Amino acid sequence: MAVKLYLYDWQDNMERQAGYAAEYCADYSFWAKHCARTNPDTRAEAIANANQVGPAIDKIGRQDMSISHLIFLTHGAPGYVHFPGGGFNHKNIGMLHTVCEEYLIYGAQVEFWGCNVGEGTAGATFLQAVGASVLKHGGGTIFCSDSVTFSFPYAGQRFPVWTNIVRANVLPGGATTVQQ
């Protein structure tokens, strides 16, 4: 079974974590800050820095065999996915190539729901790098925001009306077309 893997910033405040959990958790308790049971086709991992992402993908891939969606619920900036101990930009996202080649299905979807990740030239450069590494083997689609995002407890990730969802289509081999 292919699963959706949610990777989230473990240091975010309780309200943001409740918003994240609305995306993947079947029984999140706001007061206990606890998710005892994820939805059947989802997995979630708390991440402190970019170096923990590859091992998290490997862990879930070994357990579930394949991953259809790789979803980052973090803070962000143009061309940057933030984790407290260091995040991803176009220069280091390639560290995920091997593990993603192993476990992401052909035509996988990668989503970055931190503020402004897809904004401007920095956003486009980052998405090109994601396509050339994370989705190189089987192609797929990348989605992210060019504006602020916010997590609303029990309602999940939300976007202001002025937000554009940036999409990048990736062909097998890594050729990436960004639509900003």
N, C-alpha and C. Protein backbone atom coordinates (compact mmCIF):
# COMPACT_ATOMS: atom_id res chain seq x y z
N MET A 1 0.85 -1.18 0.00
CA MET A 1 0.00 0.00 0.00
C MET A 1 0.89 1.24 0.00
N ALA A 2 0.59 2.17 -0.88
CA ALA A 2 1.30 3.45 -0.88
C ALA A 2 0.64 4.37 0.13
N VAL A 3 1.46 5.07 0.90
CA VAL A 3 0.94 5.95 1.95
C VAL A 3 1.35 7.40 1.70
N LYS A 4 0.65 8.30 2.38
CA LYS A 4 1.02 9.71 2.41
C LYS A 4 1.88 9.91 3.65
N LEU A 5 3.04 10.52 3.48
CA LEU A 5 3.93 10.77 4.61
C LEU A 5 3.97 12.27 4.90
N TYR A 6 3.53 12.63 6.10
CA TYR A 6 3.55 14.02 6.57
C TYR A 6 4.78 14.22 7.45
N LEU A 7 5.58 15.21 7.13
CA LEU A 7 6.76 15.55 7.91
C LEU A 7 6.54 16.94 8.48
N TYR A 8 6.57 17.06 9.81
CA TYR A 8 6.24 18.36 10.41
C TYR A 8 7.29 18.80 11.40
N ASP A 9 7.33 20.10 11.62
CA ASP A 9 8.26 20.75 12.54
C ASP A 9 7.84 20.41 13.97
N TRP A 10 8.64 19.65 14.66
CA TRP A 10 8.28 19.17 16.00
C TRP A 10 8.25 20.27 17.04
N GLN A 11 8.84 21.43 16.77
CA GLN A 11 8.87 22.51 17.76
C GLN A 11 7.75 23.53 17.59
N ASP A 12 6.90 23.34 16.60
CA ASP A 12 5.82 24.31 16.41
C ASP A 12 4.90 24.34 17.61
N ASN A 13 4.23 25.48 17.78
CA ASN A 13 3.33 25.63 18.93
C ASN A 13 2.13 24.69 18.82
N MET A 14 1.43 24.55 19.93
CA MET A 14 0.33 23.59 20.02
C MET A 14 -0.77 23.86 18.99
N GLU A 15 -1.08 25.13 18.74
CA GLU A 15 -2.13 25.45 17.78
C GLU A 15 -1.74 25.02 16.36
N ARG A 16 -0.50 25.29 15.97
CA ARG A 16 -0.05 24.86 14.64
C ARG A 16 -0.01 23.34 14.55
N GLN A 17 0.45 22.67 15.61
CA GLN A 17 0.48 21.21 15.56
C GLN A 17 -0.92 20.64 15.44
N ALA A 18 -1.90 21.27 16.08
CA ALA A 18 -3.29 20.82 15.95
C ALA A 18 -3.77 21.02 14.51
N GLY A 19 -3.33 22.09 13.88
CA GLY A 19 -3.66 22.30 12.47
C GLY A 19 -3.02 21.26 11.58
N TYR A 20 -1.75 20.96 11.83
CA TYR A 20 -1.07 19.92 11.07
C TYR A 20 -1.80 18.59 11.24
N ALA A 21 -2.11 18.26 12.49
CA ALA A 21 -2.72 16.97 12.80
C ALA A 21 -4.06 16.79 12.11
N ALA A 22 -4.77 17.88 11.87
CA ALA A 22 -6.05 17.77 11.17
C ALA A 22 -5.87 17.16 9.79
N GLU A 23 -4.67 17.25 9.25
CA GLU A 23 -4.39 16.68 7.93
C GLU A 23 -4.19 15.16 7.96
N TYR A 24 -3.68 14.63 9.06
CA TYR A 24 -3.30 13.21 9.06
C TYR A 24 -3.82 12.38 10.22
N CYS A 25 -4.34 12.99 11.26
CA CYS A 25 -4.66 12.26 12.48
C CYS A 25 -6.15 11.94 12.57
N ALA A 26 -6.46 10.73 13.00
CA ALA A 26 -7.86 10.32 13.16
C ALA A 26 -8.42 10.73 14.52
N ASP A 27 -7.56 11.02 15.48
CA ASP A 27 -8.08 11.28 16.84
C ASP A 27 -7.24 12.29 17.63
N TYR A 28 -6.76 13.34 16.98
CA TYR A 28 -5.89 14.29 17.66
C TYR A 28 -6.59 14.95 18.84
N SER A 29 -5.89 15.01 19.97
CA SER A 29 -6.40 15.70 21.16
C SER A 29 -5.61 16.98 21.35
N PHE A 30 -6.27 18.11 21.18
CA PHE A 30 -5.63 19.41 21.34
C PHE A 30 -5.04 19.56 22.73
N TRP A 31 -5.75 19.12 23.74
CA TRP A 31 -5.30 19.31 25.13
C TRP A 31 -4.16 18.37 25.49
N ALA A 32 -4.18 17.18 24.96
CA ALA A 32 -3.11 16.22 25.26
C ALA A 32 -1.92 16.37 24.31
N LYS A 33 -2.09 17.18 23.25
CA LYS A 33 -1.05 17.31 22.22
C LYS A 33 -0.63 15.93 21.73
N HIS A 34 -1.61 15.14 21.33
CA HIS A 34 -1.35 13.73 21.11
C HIS A 34 -2.16 13.19 19.94
N CYS A 35 -1.53 12.43 19.10
CA CYS A 35 -2.21 11.71 18.01
C CYS A 35 -1.97 10.23 18.24
N ALA A 36 -2.98 9.53 18.69
CA ALA A 36 -2.83 8.10 18.97
C ALA A 36 -2.99 7.25 17.72
N ARG A 37 -3.71 7.78 16.71
CA ARG A 37 -4.02 6.96 15.55
C ARG A 37 -4.08 7.84 14.30
N THR A 38 -3.22 7.56 13.33
CA THR A 38 -3.28 8.29 12.06
C THR A 38 -4.36 7.69 11.18
N ASN A 39 -4.77 8.44 10.17
CA ASN A 39 -5.70 7.90 9.19
C ASN A 39 -5.05 6.70 8.51
N PRO A 40 -5.84 5.76 8.00
CA PRO A 40 -5.28 4.49 7.51
C PRO A 40 -4.19 4.61 6.46
N ASP A 41 -4.28 5.58 5.56
CA ASP A 41 -3.30 5.69 4.48
C ASP A 41 -2.25 6.76 4.74
N THR A 42 -2.10 7.18 6.00
CA THR A 42 -1.15 8.25 6.31
C THR A 42 -0.18 7.86 7.41
N ARG A 43 0.96 8.49 7.36
CA ARG A 43 1.96 8.37 8.42
C ARG A 43 2.46 9.78 8.69
N ALA A 44 2.95 10.02 9.89
CA ALA A 44 3.47 11.34 10.25
C ALA A 44 4.73 11.18 11.07
N GLU A 45 5.69 12.05 10.82
CA GLU A 45 6.95 12.03 11.54
C GLU A 45 7.33 13.45 11.94
N ALA A 46 7.70 13.62 13.19
CA ALA A 46 8.20 14.91 13.68
C ALA A 46 9.67 15.03 13.27
N ILE A 47 10.04 16.18 12.74
CA ILE A 47 11.38 16.39 12.20
C ILE A 47 12.02 17.60 12.86
N ALA A 48 13.28 17.46 13.26
CA ALA A 48 14.01 18.57 13.88
C ALA A 48 14.94 19.28 12.90
N ASN A 49 15.45 18.55 11.90
CA ASN A 49 16.36 19.15 10.92
C ASN A 49 16.35 18.36 9.62
N ALA A 50 16.91 18.93 8.59
CA ALA A 50 16.90 18.32 7.26
C ALA A 50 17.53 16.93 7.26
N ASN A 51 18.52 16.69 8.09
CA ASN A 51 19.18 15.39 8.12
C ASN A 51 18.29 14.27 8.63
N GLN A 52 17.17 14.59 9.26
CA GLN A 52 16.25 13.56 9.76
C GLN A 52 15.22 13.14 8.71
N VAL A 53 15.10 13.89 7.64
CA VAL A 53 14.07 13.60 6.64
C VAL A 53 14.35 12.29 5.90
N GLY A 54 15.57 12.09 5.42
CA GLY A 54 15.92 10.85 4.73
C GLY A 54 15.65 9.62 5.57
N PRO A 55 16.14 9.57 6.82
CA PRO A 55 15.84 8.42 7.67
C PRO A 55 14.34 8.22 7.93
N ALA A 56 13.57 9.30 8.01
CA ALA A 56 12.12 9.18 8.21
C ALA A 56 11.47 8.54 6.97
N ILE A 57 11.89 8.97 5.79
CA ILE A 57 11.37 8.38 4.55
C ILE A 57 11.75 6.90 4.49
N ASP A 58 12.99 6.59 4.83
CA ASP A 58 13.46 5.20 4.83
C ASP A 58 12.65 4.35 5.80
N LYS A 59 12.42 4.86 6.99
CA LYS A 59 11.64 4.12 8.01
C LYS A 59 10.24 3.79 7.51
N ILE A 60 9.55 4.79 6.99
CA ILE A 60 8.18 4.58 6.52
C ILE A 60 8.18 3.73 5.25
N GLY A 61 9.14 3.96 4.37
CA GLY A 61 9.23 3.15 3.15
C GLY A 61 9.45 1.68 3.45
N ARG A 62 10.32 1.37 4.40
CA ARG A 62 10.56 -0.02 4.78
C ARG A 62 9.31 -0.65 5.39
N GLN A 63 8.58 0.14 6.14
CA GLN A 63 7.37 -0.34 6.82
C GLN A 63 6.21 -0.53 5.84
N ASP A 64 6.01 0.43 4.95
CA ASP A 64 4.83 0.43 4.09
C ASP A 64 5.12 0.16 2.62
N MET A 65 6.36 0.00 2.26
CA MET A 65 6.80 -0.33 0.91
C MET A 65 6.87 0.85 -0.06
N SER A 66 5.91 1.75 -0.03
CA SER A 66 5.98 2.87 -0.97
C SER A 66 5.22 4.08 -0.44
N ILE A 67 5.61 5.24 -0.95
CA ILE A 67 5.05 6.52 -0.52
C ILE A 67 4.52 7.24 -1.76
N SER A 68 3.24 7.63 -1.70
CA SER A 68 2.62 8.31 -2.84
C SER A 68 2.70 9.83 -2.71
N HIS A 69 2.66 10.33 -1.47
CA HIS A 69 2.70 11.77 -1.20
C HIS A 69 3.73 12.04 -0.11
N LEU A 70 4.55 13.03 -0.33
CA LEU A 70 5.52 13.48 0.67
C LEU A 70 5.15 14.92 0.98
N ILE A 71 4.65 15.17 2.20
CA ILE A 71 4.05 16.45 2.53
C ILE A 71 4.79 17.08 3.71
N PHE A 72 5.32 18.28 3.47
CA PHE A 72 6.08 19.01 4.48
C PHE A 72 5.20 20.08 5.09
N LEU A 73 4.96 20.00 6.40
CA LEU A 73 4.17 20.99 7.15
C LEU A 73 5.15 21.73 8.05
N THR A 74 5.64 22.86 7.56
CA THR A 74 6.74 23.56 8.23
C THR A 74 6.56 25.07 8.08
N HIS A 75 7.52 25.80 8.58
CA HIS A 75 7.66 27.21 8.23
C HIS A 75 8.46 27.25 6.93
N GLY A 76 8.50 28.41 6.30
CA GLY A 76 9.25 28.51 5.06
C GLY A 76 9.58 29.94 4.69
N ALA A 77 10.30 30.08 3.61
CA ALA A 77 10.67 31.35 3.00
C ALA A 77 10.87 31.05 1.52
N PRO A 78 10.98 32.06 0.66
CA PRO A 78 11.17 31.77 -0.76
C PRO A 78 12.35 30.82 -1.00
N GLY A 79 12.03 29.65 -1.56
CA GLY A 79 13.06 28.66 -1.86
C GLY A 79 13.63 27.94 -0.66
N TYR A 80 12.95 27.98 0.47
CA TYR A 80 13.49 27.38 1.69
C TYR A 80 12.39 26.70 2.51
N VAL A 81 12.66 25.48 2.95
CA VAL A 81 11.77 24.73 3.85
C VAL A 81 12.46 24.67 5.20
N HIS A 82 11.82 25.23 6.21
CA HIS A 82 12.45 25.42 7.52
C HIS A 82 12.18 24.28 8.49
N PHE A 83 13.24 23.82 9.14
CA PHE A 83 13.17 22.99 10.35
C PHE A 83 14.05 23.67 11.38
N PRO A 84 13.75 23.50 12.68
CA PRO A 84 14.49 24.23 13.72
C PRO A 84 16.01 24.06 13.65
N GLY A 85 16.48 22.86 13.32
CA GLY A 85 17.91 22.62 13.29
C GLY A 85 18.53 22.76 11.91
N GLY A 86 17.81 23.33 10.97
CA GLY A 86 18.31 23.50 9.60
C GLY A 86 17.38 22.85 8.60
N GLY A 87 17.11 23.55 7.50
CA GLY A 87 16.14 23.07 6.53
C GLY A 87 16.73 22.78 5.17
N PHE A 88 15.86 22.83 4.16
CA PHE A 88 16.24 22.53 2.79
C PHE A 88 16.21 23.79 1.93
N ASN A 89 17.18 23.86 1.01
CA ASN A 89 17.15 24.84 -0.06
C ASN A 89 17.59 24.12 -1.33
N HIS A 90 17.81 24.85 -2.41
CA HIS A 90 18.17 24.21 -3.67
C HIS A 90 19.54 23.53 -3.63
N LYS A 91 20.36 23.90 -2.67
CA LYS A 91 21.71 23.32 -2.60
C LYS A 91 21.76 21.98 -1.87
N ASN A 92 20.83 21.73 -0.94
CA ASN A 92 20.94 20.49 -0.17
C ASN A 92 19.76 19.54 -0.31
N ILE A 93 18.73 19.89 -1.08
CA ILE A 93 17.58 19.00 -1.24
C ILE A 93 17.99 17.70 -1.93
N GLY A 94 19.09 17.72 -2.67
CA GLY A 94 19.58 16.53 -3.35
C GLY A 94 19.94 15.39 -2.42
N MET A 95 20.13 15.68 -1.13
CA MET A 95 20.45 14.60 -0.18
C MET A 95 19.32 13.57 -0.10
N LEU A 96 18.13 13.90 -0.59
CA LEU A 96 17.00 12.98 -0.53
C LEU A 96 16.87 12.10 -1.78
N HIS A 97 17.71 12.31 -2.77
CA HIS A 97 17.57 11.59 -4.04
C HIS A 97 17.50 10.08 -3.86
N THR A 98 18.47 9.49 -3.22
CA THR A 98 18.56 8.03 -3.13
C THR A 98 17.38 7.42 -2.40
N VAL A 99 17.02 7.97 -1.25
CA VAL A 99 15.91 7.40 -0.48
C VAL A 99 14.58 7.61 -1.20
N CYS A 100 14.41 8.72 -1.90
CA CYS A 100 13.18 8.95 -2.64
C CYS A 100 13.10 8.04 -3.86
N GLU A 101 14.23 7.79 -4.49
CA GLU A 101 14.26 6.86 -5.61
C GLU A 101 13.82 5.47 -5.16
N GLU A 102 14.16 5.12 -3.95
CA GLU A 102 13.82 3.81 -3.40
C GLU A 102 12.33 3.68 -3.06
N TYR A 103 11.72 4.72 -2.51
CA TYR A 103 10.39 4.55 -1.92
C TYR A 103 9.27 5.39 -2.52
N LEU A 104 9.54 6.46 -3.24
CA LEU A 104 8.45 7.23 -3.84
C LEU A 104 7.95 6.52 -5.09
N ILE A 105 6.63 6.42 -5.23
CA ILE A 105 6.06 5.77 -6.41
C ILE A 105 6.26 6.65 -7.64
N TYR A 106 6.13 6.05 -8.82
CA TYR A 106 6.15 6.83 -10.06
C TYR A 106 4.95 7.77 -10.04
N GLY A 107 5.18 9.02 -10.40
CA GLY A 107 4.11 10.00 -10.38
C GLY A 107 3.77 10.50 -8.99
N ALA A 108 4.70 10.42 -8.06
CA ALA A 108 4.45 10.85 -6.67
C ALA A 108 4.16 12.35 -6.61
N GLN A 109 3.61 12.74 -5.49
CA GLN A 109 3.29 14.15 -5.25
C GLN A 109 4.09 14.63 -4.04
N VAL A 110 4.75 15.78 -4.18
CA VAL A 110 5.50 16.39 -3.08
C VAL A 110 4.88 17.75 -2.81
N GLU A 111 4.59 18.03 -1.53
CA GLU A 111 3.95 19.29 -1.16
C GLU A 111 4.75 19.97 -0.06
N PHE A 112 4.94 21.27 -0.21
CA PHE A 112 5.64 22.08 0.79
C PHE A 112 4.67 23.16 1.26
N TRP A 113 4.13 23.03 2.48
CA TRP A 113 3.12 23.97 2.96
C TRP A 113 3.67 24.90 4.03
N GLY A 114 4.85 25.43 3.79
CA GLY A 114 5.40 26.51 4.60
C GLY A 114 5.22 27.81 3.84
N CYS A 115 5.24 28.91 4.54
CA CYS A 115 5.03 30.22 3.91
C CYS A 115 6.02 30.47 2.78
N ASN A 116 5.52 30.94 1.65
CA ASN A 116 6.31 31.51 0.56
C ASN A 116 7.32 30.58 -0.10
N VAL A 117 7.29 29.27 0.13
CA VAL A 117 8.31 28.38 -0.42
C VAL A 117 8.43 28.52 -1.93
N GLY A 118 7.32 28.68 -2.64
CA GLY A 118 7.35 28.75 -4.09
C GLY A 118 7.43 30.15 -4.67
N GLU A 119 7.71 31.14 -3.84
CA GLU A 119 7.69 32.53 -4.30
C GLU A 119 8.92 32.90 -5.13
N GLY A 120 8.69 33.56 -6.26
CA GLY A 120 9.75 34.18 -7.04
C GLY A 120 10.79 33.25 -7.63
N THR A 121 11.92 33.86 -7.97
CA THR A 121 13.03 33.12 -8.57
C THR A 121 13.59 32.08 -7.62
N ALA A 122 13.71 32.42 -6.33
CA ALA A 122 14.22 31.46 -5.34
C ALA A 122 13.30 30.25 -5.25
N GLY A 123 12.00 30.48 -5.29
CA GLY A 123 11.04 29.38 -5.24
C GLY A 123 11.16 28.49 -6.47
N ALA A 124 11.25 29.10 -7.65
CA ALA A 124 11.37 28.33 -8.89
C ALA A 124 12.67 27.52 -8.91
N THR A 125 13.76 28.12 -8.46
CA THR A 125 15.05 27.42 -8.40
C THR A 125 14.97 26.22 -7.47
N PHE A 126 14.32 26.40 -6.33
CA PHE A 126 14.15 25.30 -5.38
C PHE A 126 13.33 24.17 -6.00
N LEU A 127 12.22 24.51 -6.65
CA LEU A 127 11.37 23.48 -7.25
C LEU A 127 12.09 22.74 -8.37
N GLN A 128 12.92 23.43 -9.13
CA GLN A 128 13.74 22.76 -10.15
C GLN A 128 14.67 21.73 -9.49
N ALA A 129 15.26 22.11 -8.36
CA ALA A 129 16.16 21.20 -7.64
C ALA A 129 15.40 20.01 -7.06
N VAL A 130 14.20 20.24 -6.57
CA VAL A 130 13.37 19.13 -6.05
C VAL A 130 13.06 18.16 -7.18
N GLY A 131 12.66 18.69 -8.33
CA GLY A 131 12.36 17.83 -9.46
C GLY A 131 13.55 17.01 -9.92
N ALA A 132 14.73 17.65 -9.92
CA ALA A 132 15.95 16.98 -10.39
C ALA A 132 16.50 15.96 -9.40
N SER A 133 15.98 15.94 -8.19
CA SER A 133 16.50 15.00 -7.19
C SER A 133 15.39 14.12 -6.62
N VAL A 134 14.45 14.71 -5.93
CA VAL A 134 13.42 13.95 -5.22
C VAL A 134 12.53 13.16 -6.18
N LEU A 135 12.14 13.77 -7.30
CA LEU A 135 11.23 13.12 -8.24
C LEU A 135 11.90 12.69 -9.54
N LYS A 136 13.21 12.68 -9.57
CA LYS A 136 13.94 12.37 -10.81
C LYS A 136 13.59 10.99 -11.37
N HIS A 137 13.50 9.99 -10.52
CA HIS A 137 13.34 8.62 -11.00
C HIS A 137 12.00 8.34 -11.66
N GLY A 138 10.91 8.91 -11.11
CA GLY A 138 9.59 8.56 -11.64
C GLY A 138 8.70 9.73 -11.96
N GLY A 139 9.24 10.94 -11.89
CA GLY A 139 8.42 12.11 -12.16
C GLY A 139 7.34 12.31 -11.11
N GLY A 140 6.50 13.30 -11.35
CA GLY A 140 5.41 13.58 -10.42
C GLY A 140 5.07 15.05 -10.42
N THR A 141 4.48 15.50 -9.32
CA THR A 141 4.02 16.87 -9.21
C THR A 141 4.45 17.45 -7.88
N ILE A 142 4.82 18.73 -7.89
CA ILE A 142 5.19 19.45 -6.67
C ILE A 142 4.19 20.59 -6.50
N PHE A 143 3.73 20.77 -5.26
CA PHE A 143 2.85 21.89 -4.94
C PHE A 143 3.43 22.67 -3.77
N CYS A 144 3.27 23.99 -3.79
CA CYS A 144 3.65 24.83 -2.65
C CYS A 144 2.95 26.18 -2.79
N SER A 145 3.14 27.02 -1.80
CA SER A 145 2.49 28.33 -1.76
C SER A 145 3.48 29.43 -2.10
N ASP A 146 2.97 30.51 -2.71
CA ASP A 146 3.82 31.68 -2.95
C ASP A 146 3.52 32.78 -1.94
N SER A 147 2.80 32.44 -0.89
CA SER A 147 2.38 33.42 0.10
C SER A 147 2.39 32.77 1.48
N VAL A 148 1.85 33.47 2.44
CA VAL A 148 1.77 32.93 3.79
C VAL A 148 0.80 31.76 3.83
N THR A 149 0.99 30.87 4.78
CA THR A 149 0.06 29.78 5.06
C THR A 149 -0.19 29.80 6.56
N PHE A 150 -1.22 29.15 6.99
CA PHE A 150 -1.42 29.03 8.43
C PHE A 150 -2.14 27.73 8.74
N SER A 151 -1.91 27.23 9.92
CA SER A 151 -2.54 26.00 10.39
C SER A 151 -3.62 26.38 11.38
N PHE A 152 -4.82 25.92 11.11
CA PHE A 152 -5.95 26.23 11.98
C PHE A 152 -6.32 24.96 12.72
N PRO A 153 -6.33 24.99 14.07
CA PRO A 153 -6.63 23.77 14.82
C PRO A 153 -7.88 23.05 14.31
N TYR A 154 -7.73 21.78 14.06
CA TYR A 154 -8.78 20.87 13.61
C TYR A 154 -9.27 21.12 12.19
N ALA A 155 -8.79 22.17 11.54
CA ALA A 155 -9.22 22.45 10.16
C ALA A 155 -8.08 22.25 9.17
N GLY A 156 -6.84 22.18 9.65
CA GLY A 156 -5.70 21.93 8.79
C GLY A 156 -5.06 23.17 8.21
N GLN A 157 -4.25 22.96 7.17
CA GLN A 157 -3.53 24.05 6.53
C GLN A 157 -4.51 24.91 5.74
N ARG A 158 -4.34 26.21 5.83
CA ARG A 158 -5.20 27.16 5.14
C ARG A 158 -4.35 28.24 4.47
N PHE A 159 -4.93 28.89 3.47
CA PHE A 159 -4.23 29.89 2.68
C PHE A 159 -5.10 31.13 2.54
N PRO A 160 -4.50 32.32 2.57
CA PRO A 160 -5.28 33.54 2.31
C PRO A 160 -5.79 33.54 0.86
N VAL A 161 -6.78 34.37 0.58
CA VAL A 161 -7.38 34.40 -0.76
C VAL A 161 -6.39 34.84 -1.84
N TRP A 162 -5.36 35.59 -1.47
CA TRP A 162 -4.40 36.08 -2.47
C TRP A 162 -3.30 35.06 -2.78
N THR A 163 -3.32 33.94 -2.13
CA THR A 163 -2.29 32.92 -2.34
C THR A 163 -2.44 32.26 -3.71
N ASN A 164 -1.33 32.06 -4.37
CA ASN A 164 -1.28 31.23 -5.56
C ASN A 164 -0.60 29.93 -5.18
N ILE A 165 -1.20 28.83 -5.57
CA ILE A 165 -0.56 27.54 -5.37
C ILE A 165 0.35 27.32 -6.57
N VAL A 166 1.63 27.23 -6.30
CA VAL A 166 2.62 27.02 -7.35
C VAL A 166 2.70 25.53 -7.62
N ARG A 167 2.72 25.19 -8.90
CA ARG A 167 2.76 23.79 -9.31
C ARG A 167 3.98 23.58 -10.20
N ALA A 168 4.63 22.46 -10.00
CA ALA A 168 5.73 22.07 -10.88
C ALA A 168 5.47 20.64 -11.35
N ASN A 169 5.53 20.44 -12.64
CA ASN A 169 5.37 19.11 -13.22
C ASN A 169 6.75 18.56 -13.53
N VAL A 170 6.98 17.33 -13.10
CA VAL A 170 8.29 16.71 -13.26
C VAL A 170 8.15 15.44 -14.09
N LEU A 171 8.93 15.36 -15.16
CA LEU A 171 8.97 14.16 -15.98
C LEU A 171 9.99 13.19 -15.41
N PRO A 172 9.81 11.87 -15.64
CA PRO A 172 10.87 10.95 -15.25
C PRO A 172 12.19 11.41 -15.88
N GLY A 173 13.23 11.44 -15.10
CA GLY A 173 14.51 11.97 -15.53
C GLY A 173 14.79 13.33 -14.92
N GLY A 174 13.74 13.98 -14.37
CA GLY A 174 13.94 15.21 -13.62
C GLY A 174 13.62 16.51 -14.32
N ALA A 175 13.27 16.49 -15.62
CA ALA A 175 12.92 17.74 -16.30
C ALA A 175 11.69 18.34 -15.61
N THR A 176 11.82 19.59 -15.17
CA THR A 176 10.80 20.22 -14.33
C THR A 176 10.29 21.51 -14.96
N THR A 177 8.97 21.63 -15.04
CA THR A 177 8.32 22.84 -15.53
C THR A 177 7.57 23.47 -14.37
N VAL A 178 7.97 24.69 -13.99
CA VAL A 178 7.35 25.39 -12.86
C VAL A 178 6.29 26.34 -13.39
N GLN A 179 5.11 26.29 -12.78
CA GLN A 179 4.00 27.19 -13.14
C GLN A 179 3.72 28.09 -11.95
N GLN A 180 4.26 29.32 -11.99
CA GLN A 180 4.07 30.27 -10.89
C GLN A 180 2.94 31.21 -11.21
